Amino acid sequence: MTVTVNLPLQKTELDQLKDLLHQTAGLLLSGEWDEKLATRVAERMARLGIRSFEEYYHLLYLSANKTEVFCFVEGLLSAENYFFKNRAQLRGFAELVLPAIITPRRELDEKKLRIWDAACAGGEEPYTLAMLLRESIEDIDTWQVTIVATDIDRSALQRAETGVYSEHSLSKLPEGYREKYFTETDGGWQIAEQIRKMVTFKQLNLVDRFALREQRLFDFVFCRGVLPYFSAPAQKKVVGGIYDALVPGGYLFLGESESIGHITAAFELDNIDGFLCYKKP
């Protein structure tokens, strides 16, 4: 059955929708998002067979465990992703920060390492970290390595778990990585099983304080490119949750041009060979 959707949305309806997304997902969306929001509403209404915005908004507001909110947000915040994005920062992590953590642990025979990728999208970033660890830690097979990758977008997580990527996603790979860690298939490039097994994906809403409390004892947290989408109160909640998730001496890595100095003074700012990261005292 074809469903006729009553769009475009009125400004009051868009404002109502943005207020709800702010309350449930912490998103702060300006007028520049109106067209994309209206398109997403039309997509979901057509999929669900709903004819009016009022009915759909009612579903969003009342959806159990905010499942429809998750469905709505899926794909809304999509950004250009590829392996080894912001390579300078990743090089600093692998060559300077990581050794400072693993060297004393190796000497004490405490070979455990935990990393949380807080906004993993389609999986390029956590798999990049897995490849970096495998290249940087010569005795990695004797370590207990945990990489937890979370995102609010279920469809992105499904793509990540499949581990098949386009030519574009591989365009910035260092020399030799394609041959070593990928196999060409009919659907694209399949990442190696030894890398896939290093990453655990799960859905998580970063402004859900109960879900954040489950994230603990991480040595490194990567939260790159997502904080600017959040309102100031939501940013404070997310950064506070990340602080609690880190062990003392753990590091937080943000996206290019991102800062949390206006949000909290709890972290120490480290300038390591020209790139910035934040350390929990």
Protein backbone atom coordinates (compact mmCIF):
# COMPACT_ATOMS: atom_id res chain seq x y z
CA MET A 1 0.00 0.00 0.00
CA THR A 2 1.27 3.49 -0.88
CA VAL A 3 1.13 5.97 1.99
CA THR A 4 0.74 9.69 1.33
CA VAL A 5 2.80 11.66 3.83
CA ASN A 6 1.74 15.16 4.85
CA LEU A 7 5.00 17.03 4.25
CA PRO A 8 6.76 19.47 4.20
CA LEU A 9 6.74 19.95 7.93
CA GLN A 10 5.87 23.24 9.53
CA LYS A 11 8.52 25.11 11.51
CA THR A 12 6.64 24.43 14.74
CA GLU A 13 6.68 20.71 13.97
CA LEU A 14 10.39 20.75 13.18
CA ASP A 15 11.09 22.63 16.41
CA GLN A 16 8.99 20.09 18.31
CA LEU A 17 10.99 17.27 16.73
CA LYS A 18 14.33 18.91 17.50
CA ASP A 19 13.30 19.45 21.11
CA LEU A 20 12.48 15.75 21.43
CA LEU A 21 15.80 14.70 19.88
CA HIS A 22 17.54 17.04 22.30
CA GLN A 23 15.79 15.47 25.28
CA THR A 24 16.29 11.86 24.21
CA ALA A 25 19.59 11.87 22.31
CA GLY A 26 21.22 15.13 23.43
CA LEU A 27 21.36 16.44 19.85
CA LEU A 28 21.44 20.18 19.21
CA LEU A 29 20.35 20.66 15.61
CA SER A 30 20.17 24.05 13.93
CA GLY A 31 17.92 25.16 11.09
CA GLU A 32 20.46 23.78 8.62
CA TRP A 33 19.17 20.32 9.57
CA ASP A 34 15.52 21.04 8.73
CA GLU A 35 15.55 19.55 5.24
CA LYS A 36 17.37 16.41 6.35
CA LEU A 37 15.03 16.02 9.34
CA ALA A 38 11.94 16.37 7.15
CA THR A 39 13.31 13.79 4.71
CA ARG A 40 14.01 11.37 7.55
CA VAL A 41 10.50 11.85 8.96
CA ALA A 42 9.03 11.08 5.54
CA GLU A 43 11.15 7.94 5.26
CA ARG A 44 10.10 6.61 8.66
CA MET A 45 6.42 7.50 8.20
CA ALA A 46 6.33 5.73 4.83
CA ARG A 47 8.09 2.68 6.28
CA LEU A 48 5.64 2.50 9.21
CA GLY A 49 2.49 3.36 7.25
CA ILE A 50 1.84 6.53 9.25
CA ARG A 51 -0.02 9.39 7.55
CA SER A 52 0.50 12.39 9.84
CA PHE A 53 3.38 13.99 11.69
CA GLU A 54 1.28 14.11 14.86
CA GLU A 55 0.90 10.35 14.84
CA TYR A 56 4.59 9.81 14.16
CA TYR A 57 5.65 12.27 16.86
CA HIS A 58 3.39 10.44 19.30
CA LEU A 59 5.18 7.20 18.42
CA LEU A 60 8.59 8.83 18.92
CA TYR A 61 7.55 10.25 22.27
CA LEU A 62 6.12 7.02 23.60
CA SER A 63 8.35 4.41 21.94
CA ALA A 64 9.45 1.80 24.45
CA ASN A 65 13.15 2.17 25.30
CA LYS A 66 13.27 4.90 22.64
CA THR A 67 13.58 2.30 19.88
CA GLU A 68 11.99 4.54 17.27
CA VAL A 69 14.27 7.40 18.31
CA PHE A 70 17.23 5.12 17.56
CA CYS A 71 15.70 4.22 14.20
CA PHE A 72 15.18 7.88 13.37
CA VAL A 73 18.71 8.92 14.28
CA GLU A 74 20.24 6.12 12.21
CA GLY A 75 22.03 7.68 9.30
CA LEU A 76 21.15 11.23 10.40
CA LEU A 77 24.66 12.04 11.65
CA SER A 78 26.54 10.18 8.95
CA ALA A 79 29.94 11.69 8.13
CA GLU A 80 32.69 10.79 5.70
CA ASN A 81 34.51 7.81 7.16
CA TYR A 82 37.58 5.94 6.05
CA PHE A 83 40.41 3.99 7.62
CA PHE A 84 43.25 5.98 9.24
CA LYS A 85 41.34 9.25 9.44
CA ASN A 86 43.49 11.94 11.12
CA ARG A 87 46.62 9.89 10.62
CA ALA A 88 48.89 12.32 12.51
CA GLN A 89 46.95 11.77 15.71
CA LEU A 90 46.91 8.01 15.19
CA ARG A 91 50.66 8.01 14.63
CA GLY A 92 51.14 9.89 17.89
CA PHE A 93 48.91 7.42 19.68
CA ALA A 94 50.78 4.39 18.33
CA GLU A 95 54.33 5.72 18.58
CA LEU A 96 54.26 7.89 21.70
CA VAL A 97 51.23 7.34 23.94
CA LEU A 98 50.71 3.59 23.57
CA PRO A 99 54.30 2.63 24.49
CA ALA A 100 54.06 4.65 27.71
CA ILE A 101 51.17 2.42 28.75
CA ILE A 102 52.26 -1.00 27.51
CA THR A 103 55.96 -0.92 28.45
CA PRO A 104 55.51 -0.89 32.25
CA ARG A 105 52.65 -3.39 32.00
CA ARG A 106 54.80 -5.76 30.00
CA GLU A 107 57.51 -5.52 32.65
CA LEU A 108 54.97 -6.35 35.35
CA ASP A 109 53.42 -9.09 33.20
CA GLU A 110 50.06 -7.27 33.36
CA LYS A 111 49.25 -7.58 29.68
CA LYS A 112 45.77 -6.12 29.51
CA LEU A 113 44.61 -3.24 27.35
CA ARG A 114 41.12 -1.78 27.01
CA ILE A 115 39.95 0.73 24.38
CA TRP A 116 36.52 2.27 23.88
CA ASP A 117 35.55 3.84 20.56
CA ALA A 118 32.52 5.84 21.66
CA ALA A 119 31.12 6.78 18.22
CA CYS A 120 32.35 4.11 15.84
CA ALA A 121 29.91 4.63 12.94
CA GLY A 122 30.59 1.97 10.29
CA GLY A 123 33.62 0.51 12.05
CA GLU A 124 36.52 2.08 10.17
CA GLU A 125 37.93 3.69 13.31
CA PRO A 126 37.91 0.71 15.72
CA TYR A 127 39.30 -1.57 13.02
CA THR A 128 42.01 1.04 12.39
CA LEU A 129 42.89 0.89 16.08
CA ALA A 130 42.98 -2.91 15.95
CA MET A 131 45.37 -2.84 13.01
CA LEU A 132 47.55 -0.25 14.76
CA LEU A 133 47.76 -2.41 17.88
CA ARG A 134 48.71 -5.44 15.85
CA GLU A 135 51.44 -3.47 14.09
CA SER A 136 52.70 -1.69 17.22
CA ILE A 137 52.74 -4.46 19.86
CA GLU A 138 55.10 -7.19 18.77
CA ASP A 139 53.82 -9.70 21.35
CA ILE A 140 50.15 -8.76 20.94
CA ASP A 141 49.00 -12.38 20.84
CA THR A 142 50.09 -12.68 24.49
CA TRP A 143 47.97 -9.67 25.50
CA GLN A 144 44.33 -9.53 26.55
CA VAL A 145 43.10 -6.76 24.26
CA THR A 146 39.54 -5.41 24.43
CA ILE A 147 38.19 -2.93 21.90
CA VAL A 148 34.58 -1.93 22.55
CA ALA A 149 33.00 0.07 19.71
CA THR A 150 29.65 1.76 20.28
CA ASP A 151 27.24 3.87 18.28
CA ILE A 152 23.57 4.84 18.39
CA ASP A 153 23.09 3.83 14.74
CA ARG A 154 22.14 0.15 14.48
CA SER A 155 22.49 0.02 10.70
CA ALA A 156 26.04 1.37 10.95
CA LEU A 157 26.86 -1.26 13.56
CA GLN A 158 25.52 -3.99 11.29
CA ARG A 159 27.78 -2.78 8.49
CA ALA A 160 30.70 -2.71 10.90
CA GLU A 161 30.11 -6.27 12.05
CA THR A 162 29.98 -7.43 8.44
CA GLY A 163 33.38 -5.82 7.86
CA VAL A 164 33.05 -5.21 4.12
CA TYR A 165 34.18 -1.80 2.86
CA SER A 166 34.28 0.27 -0.31
CA GLU A 167 37.33 1.42 -2.21
CA HIS A 168 36.84 4.88 -0.72
CA SER A 169 37.06 3.57 2.84
CA LEU A 170 40.47 2.05 2.01
CA SER A 171 41.80 5.09 0.16
CA LYS A 172 44.01 6.35 3.03
CA LEU A 173 45.46 3.02 4.15
CA PRO A 174 49.22 2.98 4.77
CA GLU A 175 51.30 1.04 2.28
CA GLY A 176 50.97 -2.70 2.66
CA TYR A 177 47.87 -2.68 4.86
CA ARG A 178 45.44 -3.52 2.06
CA GLU A 179 47.38 -6.65 1.14
CA LYS A 180 47.89 -7.66 4.75
CA TYR A 181 44.47 -7.02 6.25
CA PHE A 182 41.89 -7.09 3.44
CA THR A 183 40.57 -9.54 0.86
CA GLU A 184 38.69 -8.40 -2.23
CA THR A 185 35.17 -9.81 -2.54
CA ASP A 186 32.20 -9.24 -4.84
CA GLY A 187 30.79 -6.68 -2.39
CA GLY A 188 33.99 -4.78 -1.69
CA TRP A 189 36.93 -5.38 0.63
CA GLN A 190 36.55 -7.79 3.56
CA ILE A 191 38.64 -7.04 6.62
CA ALA A 192 40.73 -9.89 8.01
CA GLU A 193 39.16 -12.16 10.62
CA GLN A 194 42.03 -11.58 13.05
CA ILE A 195 41.11 -7.87 13.08
CA ARG A 196 37.34 -8.42 13.25
CA LYS A 197 37.75 -10.65 16.30
CA MET A 198 39.51 -7.87 18.20
CA VAL A 199 36.45 -5.57 18.17
CA THR A 200 33.10 -5.92 19.96
CA PHE A 201 30.27 -3.73 18.66
CA LYS A 202 27.21 -2.66 20.61
CA GLN A 203 24.53 0.01 20.45
CA LEU A 204 24.81 2.81 22.97
CA ASN A 205 23.24 6.23 23.41
CA LEU A 206 25.97 8.48 24.80
CA VAL A 207 23.51 10.60 26.77
CA ASP A 208 22.01 7.57 28.50
CA ARG A 209 23.59 7.85 31.95
CA PHE A 210 22.73 4.25 32.83
CA ALA A 211 24.45 2.92 29.71
CA LEU A 212 27.46 5.12 30.38
CA ARG A 213 27.85 3.63 33.85
CA GLU A 214 28.50 0.24 32.26
CA GLN A 215 31.58 1.61 30.47
CA ARG A 216 34.50 1.24 32.86
CA LEU A 217 38.24 0.58 33.19
CA PHE A 218 39.36 1.80 29.78
CA ASP A 219 42.93 2.85 29.05
CA PHE A 220 41.95 4.86 25.97
CA VAL A 221 38.72 6.41 24.74
CA PHE A 222 38.29 7.72 21.21
CA CYS A 223 35.35 10.09 20.80
CA ARG A 224 36.05 11.83 17.54
CA GLY A 225 33.62 14.00 15.62
CA VAL A 226 30.47 13.53 17.69
CA LEU A 227 30.59 16.07 20.56
CA PRO A 228 29.81 19.08 18.32
CA TYR A 229 26.37 17.60 17.61
CA PHE A 230 25.42 17.70 21.30
CA SER A 231 24.02 20.55 23.37
CA ALA A 232 26.19 21.96 26.17
CA PRO A 233 24.41 19.96 28.92
CA ALA A 234 24.68 16.78 26.83
CA GLN A 235 28.38 17.43 26.17
CA LYS A 236 28.98 17.78 29.88
CA LYS A 237 27.15 14.51 30.54
CA VAL A 238 29.07 12.63 27.84
CA VAL A 239 32.48 13.97 28.87
CA GLY A 240 31.73 13.18 32.51
CA GLY A 241 30.81 9.65 31.53
CA ILE A 242 34.04 9.26 29.58
CA TYR A 243 36.06 10.54 32.53
CA ASP A 244 34.48 7.91 34.77
CA ALA A 245 35.08 5.23 32.12
CA LEU A 246 38.84 5.85 32.06
CA VAL A 247 41.35 4.42 34.50
CA PRO A 248 43.68 6.94 36.20
CA GLY A 249 46.32 7.80 33.63
CA GLY A 250 43.98 6.93 30.76
CA TYR A 251 43.70 9.05 27.62
CA LEU A 252 40.85 10.66 25.68
CA PHE A 253 41.28 11.42 21.97
CA LEU A 254 38.93 13.88 20.24
CA GLY A 255 38.43 14.89 16.62
CA GLU A 256 40.38 17.59 14.86
CA SER A 257 39.67 21.09 16.20
CA GLU A 258 37.62 19.66 19.10
CA SER A 259 38.22 20.73 22.69
CA ILE A 260 36.67 20.05 26.09
CA GLY A 261 38.37 22.93 27.93
CA HIS A 262 35.06 24.79 28.06
CA ILE A 263 33.28 21.71 29.42
CA THR A 264 35.50 20.45 32.22
CA ALA A 265 38.83 21.05 33.93
CA ALA A 266 39.06 17.48 35.19
CA PHE A 267 41.44 16.33 32.45
CA GLU A 268 45.07 17.27 31.93
CA LEU A 269 45.77 18.57 28.42
CA ASP A 270 48.80 16.88 26.84
CA ASN A 271 50.58 18.26 23.79
CA ILE A 272 52.44 15.27 22.44
CA ASP A 273 54.65 16.01 19.47
CA GLY A 274 52.20 18.51 18.02
CA PHE A 275 48.86 16.82 18.69
CA LEU A 276 46.56 17.24 21.65
CA CYS A 277 44.94 14.64 23.86
CA TYR A 278 43.45 14.59 27.32
CA LYS A 279 44.73 12.55 30.25
CA LYS A 280 42.83 11.56 33.38
CA PRO A 281 45.03 12.36 36.40
